[in-house]
Amino acid sequence: MLRIILFIIGYIFSVIGLFFIFLYLNLFSIGYSFLEFVYFIIRSIYCDLFFIGIILIILALRRKHNGLLL
């Protein structure tokens, strides 16, 4: 049950984070360079949500089998 909740929360976080990263692509149209865009995305909390969501999904899908991680 915990794995399902972790997966759902991770999925929601990653979707929200990726949505805002795509939304910020409009910064190119107002003259931001690629490095300025990357710097802006890294400082944004939504980028953190994306990576936290990916980590939660990996944790939810990880399983043990005879002491080995698969």
N, C-alpha and C. Protein backbone atom coordinates (compact mmCIF):
# COMPACT_ATOMS: atom_id res chain seq x y z
N MET A 1 0.83 -1.20 0.00
CA MET A 1 0.00 0.00 0.00
C MET A 1 0.87 1.26 0.00
N LEU A 2 1.97 1.21 0.78
CA LEU A 2 2.87 2.36 0.83
C LEU A 2 3.51 2.61 -0.53
N ARG A 3 3.83 1.54 -1.24
CA ARG A 3 4.45 1.70 -2.55
C ARG A 3 3.49 2.35 -3.54
N ILE A 4 2.24 2.02 -3.46
CA ILE A 4 1.26 2.63 -4.37
C ILE A 4 1.13 4.12 -4.08
N ILE A 5 1.10 4.49 -2.81
CA ILE A 5 1.00 5.90 -2.43
C ILE A 5 2.25 6.65 -2.86
N LEU A 6 3.44 6.04 -2.65
CA LEU A 6 4.68 6.67 -3.09
C LEU A 6 4.68 6.88 -4.60
N PHE A 7 4.21 5.88 -5.33
CA PHE A 7 4.17 5.98 -6.78
C PHE A 7 3.24 7.10 -7.24
N ILE A 8 2.06 7.18 -6.64
CA ILE A 8 1.09 8.20 -7.04
C ILE A 8 1.61 9.60 -6.70
N ILE A 9 2.17 9.77 -5.52
CA ILE A 9 2.72 11.08 -5.14
C ILE A 9 3.89 11.44 -6.04
N GLY A 10 4.76 10.48 -6.32
CA GLY A 10 5.88 10.72 -7.22
C GLY A 10 5.43 11.08 -8.62
N TYR A 11 4.40 10.41 -9.09
CA TYR A 11 3.87 10.71 -10.42
C TYR A 11 3.30 12.13 -10.48
N ILE A 12 2.55 12.50 -9.45
CA ILE A 12 1.95 13.84 -9.40
C ILE A 12 3.05 14.90 -9.36
N PHE A 13 4.07 14.70 -8.51
CA PHE A 13 5.17 15.66 -8.41
C PHE A 13 5.91 15.79 -9.73
N SER A 14 6.19 14.67 -10.38
CA SER A 14 6.95 14.74 -11.63
C SER A 14 6.12 15.39 -12.74
N VAL A 15 4.83 15.14 -12.78
CA VAL A 15 3.98 15.77 -13.79
C VAL A 15 3.91 17.28 -13.57
N ILE A 16 3.75 17.71 -12.33
CA ILE A 16 3.70 19.14 -12.04
C ILE A 16 5.03 19.80 -12.40
N GLY A 17 6.13 19.17 -12.01
CA GLY A 17 7.44 19.73 -12.31
C GLY A 17 7.70 19.81 -13.80
N LEU A 18 7.38 18.75 -14.53
CA LEU A 18 7.61 18.75 -15.98
C LEU A 18 6.69 19.74 -16.69
N PHE A 19 5.48 19.90 -16.20
CA PHE A 19 4.56 20.87 -16.77
C PHE A 19 5.14 22.28 -16.68
N PHE A 20 5.66 22.64 -15.53
CA PHE A 20 6.21 23.98 -15.38
C PHE A 20 7.52 24.16 -16.14
N ILE A 21 8.31 23.10 -16.27
CA ILE A 21 9.52 23.20 -17.09
C ILE A 21 9.14 23.47 -18.54
N PHE A 22 8.13 22.77 -19.05
CA PHE A 22 7.67 23.04 -20.42
C PHE A 22 7.06 24.43 -20.53
N LEU A 23 6.37 24.86 -19.49
CA LEU A 23 5.78 26.19 -19.51
C LEU A 23 6.86 27.27 -19.57
N TYR A 24 7.97 27.03 -18.88
CA TYR A 24 9.06 28.00 -18.87
C TYR A 24 9.83 28.02 -20.18
N LEU A 25 9.54 27.13 -21.11
CA LEU A 25 10.17 27.19 -22.42
C LEU A 25 9.83 28.49 -23.16
N ASN A 26 8.77 29.15 -22.74
CA ASN A 26 8.41 30.44 -23.33
C ASN A 26 9.45 31.51 -23.04
N LEU A 27 10.34 31.26 -22.09
CA LEU A 27 11.39 32.23 -21.80
C LEU A 27 12.31 32.43 -23.00
N PHE A 28 12.40 31.43 -23.86
CA PHE A 28 13.22 31.58 -25.07
C PHE A 28 12.64 32.64 -25.99
N SER A 29 11.35 32.77 -26.01
CA SER A 29 10.73 33.74 -26.91
C SER A 29 10.93 35.18 -26.46
N ILE A 30 11.29 35.40 -25.20
CA ILE A 30 11.55 36.77 -24.75
C ILE A 30 13.04 37.07 -24.65
N GLY A 31 13.87 36.18 -25.20
CA GLY A 31 15.28 36.50 -25.32
C GLY A 31 16.23 35.82 -24.35
N TYR A 32 15.78 34.89 -23.55
CA TYR A 32 16.69 34.18 -22.65
C TYR A 32 17.58 33.26 -23.47
N SER A 33 18.84 33.14 -23.09
CA SER A 33 19.73 32.17 -23.72
C SER A 33 19.51 30.81 -23.05
N PHE A 34 20.13 29.79 -23.61
CA PHE A 34 19.94 28.45 -23.05
C PHE A 34 20.52 28.36 -21.65
N LEU A 35 21.67 28.96 -21.42
CA LEU A 35 22.28 28.90 -20.08
C LEU A 35 21.45 29.67 -19.05
N GLU A 36 20.88 30.79 -19.45
CA GLU A 36 19.99 31.53 -18.53
C GLU A 36 18.74 30.72 -18.23
N PHE A 37 18.23 30.02 -19.23
CA PHE A 37 17.06 29.16 -19.02
C PHE A 37 17.37 28.03 -18.04
N VAL A 38 18.52 27.37 -18.24
CA VAL A 38 18.90 26.27 -17.34
C VAL A 38 19.10 26.79 -15.93
N TYR A 39 19.74 27.94 -15.79
CA TYR A 39 19.94 28.53 -14.46
C TYR A 39 18.60 28.85 -13.80
N PHE A 40 17.66 29.38 -14.56
CA PHE A 40 16.34 29.71 -14.02
C PHE A 40 15.59 28.44 -13.59
N ILE A 41 15.67 27.38 -14.41
CA ILE A 41 14.98 26.14 -14.09
C ILE A 41 15.58 25.49 -12.84
N ILE A 42 16.89 25.50 -12.72
CA ILE A 42 17.54 24.88 -11.57
C ILE A 42 17.16 25.60 -10.28
N ARG A 43 17.01 26.92 -10.34
CA ARG A 43 16.62 27.68 -9.14
C ARG A 43 15.15 27.51 -8.79
N SER A 44 14.36 27.01 -9.71
CA SER A 44 12.91 26.91 -9.50
C SER A 44 12.56 25.72 -8.62
N ILE A 45 11.56 25.89 -7.78
CA ILE A 45 11.10 24.80 -6.91
C ILE A 45 10.45 23.69 -7.73
N TYR A 46 9.95 24.02 -8.91
CA TYR A 46 9.27 23.02 -9.72
C TYR A 46 10.26 22.01 -10.30
N CYS A 47 11.47 22.44 -10.53
CA CYS A 47 12.49 21.49 -10.96
C CYS A 47 12.78 20.50 -9.84
N ASP A 48 12.81 20.99 -8.60
CA ASP A 48 13.00 20.10 -7.46
C ASP A 48 11.84 19.12 -7.34
N LEU A 49 10.62 19.58 -7.59
CA LEU A 49 9.47 18.68 -7.54
C LEU A 49 9.61 17.56 -8.57
N PHE A 50 10.12 17.89 -9.75
CA PHE A 50 10.29 16.89 -10.80
C PHE A 50 11.27 15.81 -10.34
N PHE A 51 12.42 16.22 -9.80
CA PHE A 51 13.41 15.24 -9.38
C PHE A 51 12.97 14.45 -8.14
N ILE A 52 12.27 15.10 -7.22
CA ILE A 52 11.73 14.39 -6.06
C ILE A 52 10.71 13.35 -6.51
N GLY A 53 9.88 13.72 -7.49
CA GLY A 53 8.90 12.78 -8.02
C GLY A 53 9.55 11.58 -8.67
N ILE A 54 10.62 11.79 -9.43
CA ILE A 54 11.33 10.68 -10.07
C ILE A 54 11.94 9.77 -9.01
N ILE A 55 12.51 10.35 -7.96
CA ILE A 55 13.10 9.54 -6.89
C ILE A 55 12.01 8.72 -6.17
N LEU A 56 10.86 9.33 -5.92
CA LEU A 56 9.76 8.59 -5.28
C LEU A 56 9.26 7.45 -6.15
N ILE A 57 9.20 7.66 -7.45
CA ILE A 57 8.76 6.59 -8.35
C ILE A 57 9.77 5.45 -8.35
N ILE A 58 11.06 5.79 -8.36
CA ILE A 58 12.10 4.74 -8.32
C ILE A 58 12.01 3.96 -7.02
N LEU A 59 11.81 4.66 -5.91
CA LEU A 59 11.68 3.98 -4.61
C LEU A 59 10.44 3.08 -4.58
N ALA A 60 9.37 3.52 -5.21
CA ALA A 60 8.15 2.72 -5.20
C ALA A 60 8.28 1.48 -6.07
N LEU A 61 9.06 1.56 -7.13
CA LEU A 61 9.19 0.41 -8.04
C LEU A 61 10.33 -0.53 -7.67
N ARG A 62 11.16 -0.13 -6.72
CA ARG A 62 12.28 -0.96 -6.30
C ARG A 62 11.76 -2.15 -5.48
N ARG A 63 12.34 -3.31 -5.71
CA ARG A 63 11.93 -4.48 -4.93
C ARG A 63 13.15 -5.31 -4.58
N LYS A 64 13.04 -6.06 -3.51
CA LYS A 64 14.11 -6.93 -3.05
C LYS A 64 13.80 -8.37 -3.44
N HIS A 65 14.84 -9.07 -3.81
CA HIS A 65 14.68 -10.48 -4.13
C HIS A 65 15.92 -11.22 -3.61
N ASN A 66 15.75 -11.98 -2.54
CA ASN A 66 16.82 -12.76 -1.93
C ASN A 66 18.03 -11.88 -1.56
N GLY A 67 17.76 -10.73 -1.03
CA GLY A 67 18.83 -9.84 -0.59
C GLY A 67 19.43 -9.01 -1.70
N LEU A 68 19.02 -9.23 -2.93
CA LEU A 68 19.54 -8.45 -4.06
C LEU A 68 18.50 -7.44 -4.51
N LEU A 69 18.97 -6.27 -4.85
CA LEU A 69 18.05 -5.26 -5.38
C LEU A 69 17.92 -5.47 -6.87
N LEU A 70 16.69 -5.55 -7.34
CA LEU A 70 16.45 -5.71 -8.77
C LEU A 70 15.94 -4.42 -9.35
